Amino acid sequence: MSSLKAISQLRVLLRDMERSLGLSELTDVERDLLSAAAEVSMSTGTLKTADLMTHKLTSSVPRASFFRALRVLDMKGYLVSDADLGKGWYRLNPELK
């Protein structure tokens, strides 16, 4: 199988999974940020904005777009602010895991 065909099949599979999870309504930046959040929070359950900004999926996103996407994910309930840890700390919504 050619590499291009394999990538195509993976993209189709990914889109199907995103659609089944209700993530197709999100922008590309929002989906990348949510994916980064899931990966960053794997070890501790929490994530810090600074760690998300340097993640390989989001490091090239313009700052304004990053924070806009972060606000949208918070407003839509994908991320939850963790006030106990302070400003800039979040958790994935437990219902999404």
PDB file of N, CA and C in Angstrom:
ATOM      1  N   MET A   1       0.851  -1.173   0.000  1.00  0.00           N
ATOM      2  CA  MET A   1       0.000   0.000   0.000  1.00  0.00           C
ATOM      3  C   MET A   1       0.899   1.239   0.000  1.00  0.00           C
ATOM      4  N   SER A   2       0.555   2.198  -0.808  1.00  0.00           N
ATOM      5  CA  SER A   2       1.360   3.414  -0.865  1.00  0.00           C
ATOM      6  C   SER A   2       1.135   4.254   0.391  1.00  0.00           C
ATOM      7  N   SER A   3       2.114   5.053   0.715  1.00  0.00           N
ATOM      8  CA  SER A   3       2.016   5.928   1.887  1.00  0.00           C
ATOM      9  C   SER A   3       0.851   6.896   1.753  1.00  0.00           C
ATOM     10  N   LEU A   4       0.642   7.416   0.568  1.00  0.00           N
ATOM     11  CA  LEU A   4      -0.446   8.364   0.346  1.00  0.00           C
ATOM     12  C   LEU A   4      -1.806   7.708   0.568  1.00  0.00           C
ATOM     13  N   LYS A   5      -1.943   6.475   0.107  1.00  0.00           N
ATOM     14  CA  LYS A   5      -3.203   5.754   0.302  1.00  0.00           C
ATOM     15  C   LYS A   5      -3.422   5.467   1.788  1.00  0.00           C
ATOM     16  N   ALA A   6      -2.365   5.105   2.495  1.00  0.00           N
ATOM     17  CA  ALA A   6      -2.475   4.840   3.931  1.00  0.00           C
ATOM     18  C   ALA A   6      -2.888   6.101   4.683  1.00  0.00           C
ATOM     19  N   ILE A   7      -2.296   7.233   4.324  1.00  0.00           N
ATOM     20  CA  ILE A   7      -2.663   8.506   4.962  1.00  0.00           C
ATOM     21  C   ILE A   7      -4.123   8.830   4.687  1.00  0.00           C
ATOM     22  N   SER A   8      -4.555   8.604   3.466  1.00  0.00           N
ATOM     23  CA  SER A   8      -5.945   8.858   3.097  1.00  0.00           C
ATOM     24  C   SER A   8      -6.894   8.021   3.947  1.00  0.00           C
ATOM     25  N   GLN A   9      -6.579   6.750   4.109  1.00  0.00           N
ATOM     26  CA  GLN A   9      -7.425   5.867   4.913  1.00  0.00           C
ATOM     27  C   GLN A   9      -7.438   6.287   6.381  1.00  0.00           C
ATOM     28  N   LEU A  10      -6.291   6.700   6.889  1.00  0.00           N
ATOM     29  CA  LEU A  10      -6.230   7.172   8.274  1.00  0.00           C
ATOM     30  C   LEU A  10      -7.065   8.434   8.473  1.00  0.00           C
ATOM     31  N   ARG A  11      -7.011   9.346   7.507  1.00  0.00           N
ATOM     32  CA  ARG A  11      -7.787  10.583   7.604  1.00  0.00           C
ATOM     33  C   ARG A  11      -9.286  10.295   7.589  1.00  0.00           C
ATOM     34  N   VAL A  12      -9.708   9.369   6.747  1.00  0.00           N
ATOM     35  CA  VAL A  12     -11.120   8.997   6.693  1.00  0.00           C
ATOM     36  C   VAL A  12     -11.540   8.386   8.025  1.00  0.00           C
ATOM     37  N   LEU A  13     -10.716   7.497   8.564  1.00  0.00           N
ATOM     38  CA  LEU A  13     -11.005   6.878   9.855  1.00  0.00           C
ATOM     39  C   LEU A  13     -11.084   7.930  10.959  1.00  0.00           C
ATOM     40  N   LEU A  14     -10.135   8.859  10.964  1.00  0.00           N
ATOM     41  CA  LEU A  14     -10.128   9.923  11.964  1.00  0.00           C
ATOM     42  C   LEU A  14     -11.384  10.778  11.864  1.00  0.00           C
ATOM     43  N   ARG A  15     -11.763  11.162  10.658  1.00  0.00           N
ATOM     44  CA  ARG A  15     -12.979  11.979  10.478  1.00  0.00           C
ATOM     45  C   ARG A  15     -14.212  11.233  10.972  1.00  0.00           C
ATOM     46  N   ASP A  16     -14.289   9.930  10.691  1.00  0.00           N
ATOM     47  CA  ASP A  16     -15.421   9.129  11.160  1.00  0.00           C
ATOM     48  C   ASP A  16     -15.464   9.091  12.684  1.00  0.00           C
ATOM     49  N   MET A  17     -14.305   8.926  13.310  1.00  0.00           N
ATOM     50  CA  MET A  17     -14.251   8.895  14.777  1.00  0.00           C
ATOM     51  C   MET A  17     -14.642  10.252  15.355  1.00  0.00           C
ATOM     52  N   GLU A  18     -14.143  11.331  14.760  1.00  0.00           N
ATOM     53  CA  GLU A  18     -14.492  12.674  15.229  1.00  0.00           C
ATOM     54  C   GLU A  18     -15.991  12.917  15.100  1.00  0.00           C
ATOM     55  N   ARG A  19     -16.566  12.484  13.997  1.00  0.00           N
ATOM     56  CA  ARG A  19     -18.004  12.653  13.787  1.00  0.00           C
ATOM     57  C   ARG A  19     -18.796  11.869  14.833  1.00  0.00           C
ATOM     58  N   SER A  20     -18.366  10.653  15.130  1.00  0.00           N
ATOM     59  CA  SER A  20     -19.093   9.829  16.102  1.00  0.00           C
ATOM     60  C   SER A  20     -18.993  10.393  17.518  1.00  0.00           C
ATOM     61  N   LEU A  21     -17.928  11.140  17.799  1.00  0.00           N
ATOM     62  CA  LEU A  21     -17.772  11.778  19.107  1.00  0.00           C
ATOM     63  C   LEU A  21     -18.386  13.177  19.155  1.00  0.00           C
ATOM     64  N   GLY A  22     -18.934  13.633  18.040  1.00  0.00           N
ATOM     65  CA  GLY A  22     -19.527  14.964  17.987  1.00  0.00           C
ATOM     66  C   GLY A  22     -18.508  16.075  17.843  1.00  0.00           C
ATOM     67  N   LEU A  23     -17.306  15.741  17.399  1.00  0.00           N
ATOM     68  CA  LEU A  23     -16.246  16.744  17.284  1.00  0.00           C
ATOM     69  C   LEU A  23     -16.201  17.407  15.916  1.00  0.00           C
ATOM     70  N   SER A  24     -17.023  16.962  14.988  1.00  0.00           N
ATOM     71  CA  SER A  24     -16.977  17.535  13.642  1.00  0.00           C
ATOM     72  C   SER A  24     -17.469  18.974  13.619  1.00  0.00           C
ATOM     73  N   GLU A  25     -18.158  19.395  14.671  1.00  0.00           N
ATOM     74  CA  GLU A  25     -18.628  20.784  14.766  1.00  0.00           C
ATOM     75  C   GLU A  25     -17.498  21.749  15.128  1.00  0.00           C
ATOM     76  N   LEU A  26     -16.387  21.216  15.599  1.00  0.00           N
ATOM     77  CA  LEU A  26     -15.260  22.054  16.010  1.00  0.00           C
ATOM     78  C   LEU A  26     -14.394  22.429  14.813  1.00  0.00           C
ATOM     79  N   THR A  27     -13.701  23.553  14.935  1.00  0.00           N
ATOM     80  CA  THR A  27     -12.746  23.948  13.900  1.00  0.00           C
ATOM     81  C   THR A  27     -11.507  23.063  14.012  1.00  0.00           C
ATOM     82  N   ASP A  28     -10.650  23.136  13.010  1.00  0.00           N
ATOM     83  CA  ASP A  28      -9.401  22.366  13.043  1.00  0.00           C
ATOM     84  C   ASP A  28      -8.559  22.738  14.257  1.00  0.00           C
ATOM     85  N   VAL A  29      -8.467  24.027  14.553  1.00  0.00           N
ATOM     86  CA  VAL A  29      -7.672  24.480  15.704  1.00  0.00           C
ATOM     87  C   VAL A  29      -8.281  23.958  17.001  1.00  0.00           C
ATOM     88  N   GLU A  30      -9.596  24.000  17.121  1.00  0.00           N
ATOM     89  CA  GLU A  30     -10.262  23.501  18.329  1.00  0.00           C
ATOM     90  C   GLU A  30     -10.039  21.999  18.494  1.00  0.00           C
ATOM     91  N   ARG A  31     -10.125  21.248  17.398  1.00  0.00           N
ATOM     92  CA  ARG A  31      -9.879  19.797  17.471  1.00  0.00           C
ATOM     93  C   ARG A  31      -8.433  19.501  17.842  1.00  0.00           C
ATOM     94  N   ASP A  32      -7.500  20.241  17.256  1.00  0.00           N
ATOM     95  CA  ASP A  32      -6.087  20.042  17.598  1.00  0.00           C
ATOM     96  C   ASP A  32      -5.827  20.378  19.061  1.00  0.00           C
ATOM     97  N   LEU A  33      -6.427  21.447  19.541  1.00  0.00           N
ATOM     98  CA  LEU A  33      -6.252  21.845  20.936  1.00  0.00           C
ATOM     99  C   LEU A  33      -6.859  20.805  21.876  1.00  0.00           C
ATOM    100  N   LEU A  34      -8.019  20.283  21.534  1.00  0.00           N
ATOM    101  CA  LEU A  34      -8.643  19.245  22.358  1.00  0.00           C
ATOM    102  C   LEU A  34      -7.802  17.969  22.355  1.00  0.00           C
ATOM    103  N   SER A  35      -7.244  17.608  21.213  1.00  0.00           N
ATOM    104  CA  SER A  35      -6.363  16.433  21.138  1.00  0.00           C
ATOM    105  C   SER A  35      -5.113  16.642  21.979  1.00  0.00           C
ATOM    106  N   ALA A  36      -4.544  17.839  21.899  1.00  0.00           N
ATOM    107  CA  ALA A  36      -3.370  18.158  22.715  1.00  0.00           C
ATOM    108  C   ALA A  36      -3.725  18.096  24.195  1.00  0.00           C
ATOM    109  N   ALA A  37      -4.895  18.605  24.551  1.00  0.00           N
ATOM    110  CA  ALA A  37      -5.333  18.588  25.949  1.00  0.00           C
ATOM    111  C   ALA A  37      -5.482  17.157  26.454  1.00  0.00           C
ATOM    112  N   ALA A  38      -6.028  16.289  25.623  1.00  0.00           N
ATOM    113  CA  ALA A  38      -6.185  14.887  26.020  1.00  0.00           C
ATOM    114  C   ALA A  38      -4.829  14.245  26.276  1.00  0.00           C
ATOM    115  N   GLU A  39      -3.865  14.541  25.421  1.00  0.00           N
ATOM    116  CA  GLU A  39      -2.531  13.957  25.584  1.00  0.00           C
ATOM    117  C   GLU A  39      -1.803  14.535  26.796  1.00  0.00           C
ATOM    118  N   VAL A  40      -1.851  15.850  26.951  1.00  0.00           N
ATOM    119  CA  VAL A  40      -1.145  16.507  28.061  1.00  0.00           C
ATOM    120  C   VAL A  40      -1.714  16.076  29.409  1.00  0.00           C
ATOM    121  N   SER A  41      -3.018  15.873  29.476  1.00  0.00           N
ATOM    122  CA  SER A  41      -3.646  15.554  30.761  1.00  0.00           C
ATOM    123  C   SER A  41      -3.588  14.075  31.121  1.00  0.00           C
ATOM    124  N   MET A  42      -3.013  13.245  30.267  1.00  0.00           N
ATOM    125  CA  MET A  42      -2.991  11.798  30.521  1.00  0.00           C
ATOM    126  C   MET A  42      -2.317  11.432  31.838  1.00  0.00           C
ATOM    127  N   SER A  43      -1.241  12.087  32.185  1.00  0.00           N
ATOM    128  CA  SER A  43      -0.493  11.674  33.374  1.00  0.00           C
ATOM    129  C   SER A  43      -1.095  12.202  34.672  1.00  0.00           C
ATOM    130  N   THR A  44      -1.508  13.458  34.701  1.00  0.00           N
ATOM    131  CA  THR A  44      -1.975  14.047  35.963  1.00  0.00           C
ATOM    132  C   THR A  44      -3.464  14.350  35.987  1.00  0.00           C
ATOM    133  N   GLY A  45      -4.092  14.347  34.829  1.00  0.00           N
ATOM    134  CA  GLY A  45      -5.505  14.700  34.768  1.00  0.00           C
ATOM    135  C   GLY A  45      -5.734  16.193  34.625  1.00  0.00           C
ATOM    136  N   THR A  46      -4.664  16.964  34.796  1.00  0.00           N
ATOM    137  CA  THR A  46      -4.771  18.413  34.652  1.00  0.00           C
ATOM    138  C   THR A  46      -3.890  18.874  33.505  1.00  0.00           C
ATOM    139  N   LEU A  47      -4.127  20.078  33.051  1.00  0.00           N
ATOM    140  CA  LEU A  47      -3.290  20.640  32.003  1.00  0.00           C
ATOM    141  C   LEU A  47      -3.178  22.135  32.195  1.00  0.00           C
ATOM    142  N   LYS A  48      -2.035  22.643  31.822  1.00  0.00           N
ATOM    143  CA  LYS A  48      -1.752  24.061  31.961  1.00  0.00           C
ATOM    144  C   LYS A  48      -1.689  24.682  30.570  1.00  0.00           C
ATOM    145  N   THR A  49      -2.197  25.886  30.465  1.00  0.00           N
ATOM    146  CA  THR A  49      -2.216  26.580  29.181  1.00  0.00           C
ATOM    147  C   THR A  49      -0.838  26.598  28.529  1.00  0.00           C
ATOM    148  N   ALA A  50       0.194  26.859  29.302  1.00  0.00           N
ATOM    149  CA  ALA A  50       1.556  26.933  28.755  1.00  0.00           C
ATOM    150  C   ALA A  50       1.977  25.613  28.113  1.00  0.00           C
ATOM    151  N   ASP A  51       1.581  24.493  28.708  1.00  0.00           N
ATOM    152  CA  ASP A  51       1.914  23.184  28.133  1.00  0.00           C
ATOM    153  C   ASP A  51       1.169  22.948  26.821  1.00  0.00           C
ATOM    154  N   LEU A  52      -0.054  23.435  26.752  1.00  0.00           N
ATOM    155  CA  LEU A  52      -0.821  23.302  25.516  1.00  0.00           C
ATOM    156  C   LEU A  52      -0.216  24.139  24.394  1.00  0.00           C
ATOM    157  N   MET A  53       0.281  25.308  24.753  1.00  0.00           N
ATOM    158  CA  MET A  53       0.844  26.213  23.744  1.00  0.00           C
ATOM    159  C   MET A  53       2.099  25.642  23.091  1.00  0.00           C
ATOM    160  N   THR A  54       2.814  24.788  23.800  1.00  0.00           N
ATOM    161  CA  THR A  54       4.056  24.230  23.261  1.00  0.00           C
ATOM    162  C   THR A  54       3.880  22.823  22.687  1.00  0.00           C
ATOM    163  N   HIS A  55       2.680  22.289  22.733  1.00  0.00           N
ATOM    164  CA  HIS A  55       2.414  20.955  22.194  1.00  0.00           C
ATOM    165  C   HIS A  55       2.599  20.974  20.676  1.00  0.00           C
ATOM    166  N   LYS A  56       3.051  19.857  20.119  1.00  0.00           N
ATOM    167  CA  LYS A  56       3.344  19.807  18.679  1.00  0.00           C
ATOM    168  C   LYS A  56       2.117  20.047  17.801  1.00  0.00           C
ATOM    169  N   LEU A  57       0.923  19.782  18.299  1.00  0.00           N
ATOM    170  CA  LEU A  57      -0.285  20.034  17.512  1.00  0.00           C
ATOM    171  C   LEU A  57      -0.703  21.504  17.519  1.00  0.00           C
ATOM    172  N   THR A  58      -0.240  22.261  18.509  1.00  0.00           N
ATOM    173  CA  THR A  58      -0.723  23.635  18.665  1.00  0.00           C
ATOM    174  C   THR A  58       0.372  24.692  18.661  1.00  0.00           C
ATOM    175  N   SER A  59       1.620  24.291  18.629  1.00  0.00           N
ATOM    176  CA  SER A  59       2.711  25.263  18.759  1.00  0.00           C
ATOM    177  C   SER A  59       2.771  26.265  17.605  1.00  0.00           C
ATOM    178  N   SER A  60       2.233  25.925  16.456  1.00  0.00           N
ATOM    179  CA  SER A  60       2.266  26.855  15.321  1.00  0.00           C
ATOM    180  C   SER A  60       0.978  27.673  15.176  1.00  0.00           C
ATOM    181  N   VAL A  61       0.042  27.472  16.088  1.00  0.00           N
ATOM    182  CA  VAL A  61      -1.222  28.209  16.039  1.00  0.00           C
ATOM    183  C   VAL A  61      -0.979  29.633  16.543  1.00  0.00           C
ATOM    184  N   PRO A  62      -1.454  30.640  15.817  1.00  0.00           N
ATOM    185  CA  PRO A  62      -1.301  32.015  16.302  1.00  0.00           C
ATOM    186  C   PRO A  62      -1.934  32.183  17.683  1.00  0.00           C
ATOM    187  N   ARG A  63      -1.317  33.001  18.499  1.00  0.00           N
ATOM    188  CA  ARG A  63      -1.732  33.184  19.895  1.00  0.00           C
ATOM    189  C   ARG A  63      -3.225  33.527  20.021  1.00  0.00           C
ATOM    190  N   ALA A  64      -3.701  34.460  19.205  1.00  0.00           N
ATOM    191  CA  ALA A  64      -5.114  34.852  19.283  1.00  0.00           C
ATOM    192  C   ALA A  64      -6.032  33.676  18.949  1.00  0.00           C
ATOM    193  N   SER A  65      -5.675  32.908  17.936  1.00  0.00           N
ATOM    194  CA  SER A  65      -6.477  31.738  17.554  1.00  0.00           C
ATOM    195  C   SER A  65      -6.455  30.680  18.645  1.00  0.00           C
ATOM    196  N   PHE A  66      -5.294  30.498  19.268  1.00  0.00           N
ATOM    197  CA  PHE A  66      -5.156  29.535  20.361  1.00  0.00           C
ATOM    198  C   PHE A  66      -6.120  29.882  21.495  1.00  0.00           C
ATOM    199  N   PHE A  67      -6.086  31.130  21.948  1.00  0.00           N
ATOM    200  CA  PHE A  67      -6.922  31.518  23.081  1.00  0.00           C
ATOM    201  C   PHE A  67      -8.402  31.573  22.710  1.00  0.00           C
ATOM    202  N   ARG A  68      -8.712  31.877  21.465  1.00  0.00           N
ATOM    203  CA  ARG A  68     -10.102  31.825  21.011  1.00  0.00           C
ATOM    204  C   ARG A  68     -10.601  30.384  21.074  1.00  0.00           C
ATOM    205  N   ALA A  69      -9.805  29.457  20.585  1.00  0.00           N
ATOM    206  CA  ALA A  69     -10.183  28.039  20.610  1.00  0.00           C
ATOM    207  C   ALA A  69     -10.296  27.530  22.048  1.00  0.00           C
ATOM    208  N   LEU A  70      -9.388  27.961  22.905  1.00  0.00           N
ATOM    209  CA  LEU A  70      -9.434  27.566  24.317  1.00  0.00           C
ATOM    210  C   LEU A  70     -10.734  28.049  24.954  1.00  0.00           C
ATOM    211  N   ARG A  71     -11.112  29.290  24.656  1.00  0.00           N
ATOM    212  CA  ARG A  71     -12.352  29.849  25.205  1.00  0.00           C
ATOM    213  C   ARG A  71     -13.565  29.065  24.699  1.00  0.00           C
ATOM    214  N   VAL A  72     -13.567  28.719  23.409  1.00  0.00           N
ATOM    215  CA  VAL A  72     -14.685  27.961  22.835  1.00  0.00           C
ATOM    216  C   VAL A  72     -14.795  26.585  23.490  1.00  0.00           C
ATOM    217  N   LEU A  73     -13.672  25.894  23.652  1.00  0.00           N
ATOM    218  CA  LEU A  73     -13.695  24.567  24.282  1.00  0.00           C
ATOM    219  C   LEU A  73     -14.171  24.653  25.723  1.00  0.00           C
ATOM    220  N   ASP A  74     -13.825  25.719  26.409  1.00  0.00           N
ATOM    221  CA  ASP A  74     -14.293  25.939  27.779  1.00  0.00           C
ATOM    222  C   ASP A  74     -15.800  26.216  27.772  1.00  0.00           C
ATOM    223  N   MET A  75     -16.247  27.100  26.891  1.00  0.00           N
ATOM    224  CA  MET A  75     -17.675  27.450  26.825  1.00  0.00           C
ATOM    225  C   MET A  75     -18.542  26.256  26.427  1.00  0.00           C
ATOM    226  N   LYS A  76     -18.024  25.399  25.545  1.00  0.00           N
ATOM    227  CA  LYS A  76     -18.794  24.236  25.092  1.00  0.00           C
ATOM    228  C   LYS A  76     -18.701  23.060  26.058  1.00  0.00           C
ATOM    229  N   GLY A  77     -17.884  23.199  27.094  1.00  0.00           N
ATOM    230  CA  GLY A  77     -17.808  22.169  28.116  1.00  0.00           C
ATOM    231  C   GLY A  77     -16.820  21.054  27.856  1.00  0.00           C
ATOM    232  N   TYR A  78     -15.989  21.181  26.835  1.00  0.00           N
ATOM    233  CA  TYR A  78     -14.972  20.161  26.587  1.00  0.00           C
ATOM    234  C   TYR A  78     -13.852  20.249  27.622  1.00  0.00           C
ATOM    235  N   LEU A  79     -13.521  21.476  28.013  1.00  0.00           N
ATOM    236  CA  LEU A  79     -12.529  21.724  29.056  1.00  0.00           C
ATOM    237  C   LEU A  79     -13.220  22.406  30.222  1.00  0.00           C
ATOM    238  N   VAL A  80     -12.704  22.158  31.415  1.00  0.00           N
ATOM    239  CA  VAL A  80     -13.257  22.760  32.626  1.00  0.00           C
ATOM    240  C   VAL A  80     -12.130  23.465  33.357  1.00  0.00           C
ATOM    241  N   SER A  81     -12.332  24.742  33.670  1.00  0.00           N
ATOM    242  CA  SER A  81     -11.329  25.486  34.438  1.00  0.00           C
ATOM    243  C   SER A  81     -11.149  24.843  35.800  1.00  0.00           C
ATOM    244  N   ASP A  82      -9.917  24.747  36.246  1.00  0.00           N
ATOM    245  CA  ASP A  82      -9.622  24.186  37.565  1.00  0.00           C
ATOM    246  C   ASP A  82      -9.189  25.321  38.485  1.00  0.00           C
ATOM    247  N   ALA A  83     -10.162  25.959  39.115  1.00  0.00           N
ATOM    248  CA  ALA A  83      -9.902  27.128  39.960  1.00  0.00           C
ATOM    249  C   ALA A  83      -9.036  26.781  41.167  1.00  0.00           C
ATOM    250  N   ASP A  84      -9.070  25.537  41.615  1.00  0.00           N
ATOM    251  CA  ASP A  84      -8.259  25.133  42.769  1.00  0.00           C
ATOM    252  C   ASP A  84      -6.766  25.263  42.474  1.00  0.00           C
ATOM    253  N   LEU A  85      -6.379  25.046  41.222  1.00  0.00           N
ATOM    254  CA  LEU A  85      -4.967  25.123  40.847  1.00  0.00           C
ATOM    255  C   LEU A  85      -4.556  26.519  40.392  1.00  0.00           C
ATOM    256  N   GLY A  86      -5.526  27.356  40.077  1.00  0.00           N
ATOM    257  CA  GLY A  86      -5.221  28.727  39.680  1.00  0.00           C
ATOM    258  C   GLY A  86      -5.542  29.000  38.224  1.00  0.00           C
ATOM    259  N   LYS A  87      -5.245  30.214  37.820  1.00  0.00           N
ATOM    260  CA  LYS A  87      -5.531  30.663  36.462  1.00  0.00           C
ATOM    261  C   LYS A  87      -4.677  29.883  35.452  1.00  0.00           C
ATOM    262  N   GLY A  88      -5.305  29.507  34.349  1.00  0.00           N
ATOM    263  CA  GLY A  88      -4.579  28.813  33.291  1.00  0.00           C
ATOM    264  C   GLY A  88      -4.540  27.303  33.440  1.00  0.00           C
ATOM    265  N   TRP A  89      -5.220  26.764  34.430  1.00  0.00           N
ATOM    266  CA  TRP A  89      -5.261  25.314  34.634  1.00  0.00           C
ATOM    267  C   TRP A  89      -6.634  24.790  34.235  1.00  0.00           C
ATOM    268  N   TYR A  90      -6.641  23.650  33.572  1.00  0.00           N
ATOM    269  CA  TYR A  90      -7.878  23.039  33.095  1.00  0.00           C
ATOM    270  C   TYR A  90      -7.849  21.532  33.331  1.00  0.00           C
ATOM    271  N   ARG A  91      -9.014  20.946  33.178  1.00  0.00           N
ATOM    272  CA  ARG A  91      -9.191  19.495  33.151  1.00  0.00           C
ATOM    273  C   ARG A  91     -10.091  19.183  31.962  1.00  0.00           C
ATOM    274  N   LEU A  92      -9.924  18.001  31.409  1.00  0.00           N
ATOM    275  CA  LEU A  92     -10.895  17.552  30.412  1.00  0.00           C
ATOM    276  C   LEU A  92     -12.208  17.299  31.130  1.00  0.00           C
ATOM    277  N   ASN A  93     -13.293  17.572  30.478  1.00  0.00           N
ATOM    278  CA  ASN A  93     -14.589  17.247  31.048  1.00  0.00           C
ATOM    279  C   ASN A  93     -14.615  15.734  31.277  1.00  0.00           C
ATOM    280  N   PRO A  94     -14.859  15.285  32.512  1.00  0.00           N
ATOM    281  CA  PRO A  94     -14.826  13.843  32.813  1.00  0.00           C
ATOM    282  C   PRO A  94     -15.794  13.023  31.958  1.00  0.00           C
ATOM    283  N   GLU A  95     -16.858  13.640  31.479  1.00  0.00           N
ATOM    284  CA  GLU A  95     -17.830  12.918  30.660  1.00  0.00           C
ATOM    285  C   GLU A  95     -17.281  12.594  29.272  1.00  0.00           C
ATOM    286  N   LEU A  96     -16.199  13.252  28.864  1.00  0.00           N
ATOM    287  CA  LEU A  96     -15.616  13.016  27.543  1.00  0.00           C
ATOM    288  C   LEU A  96     -14.641  11.859  27.531  1.00  0.00           C
ATOM    289  N   LYS A  97     -14.105  11.495  28.666  1.00  0.00           N
ATOM    290  CA  LYS A  97     -13.092  10.444  28.738  1.00  0.00           C
ATOM    291  C   LYS A  97     -13.745   9.160  28.424  1.00  0.00           C
TER     292      LYS A  97
END
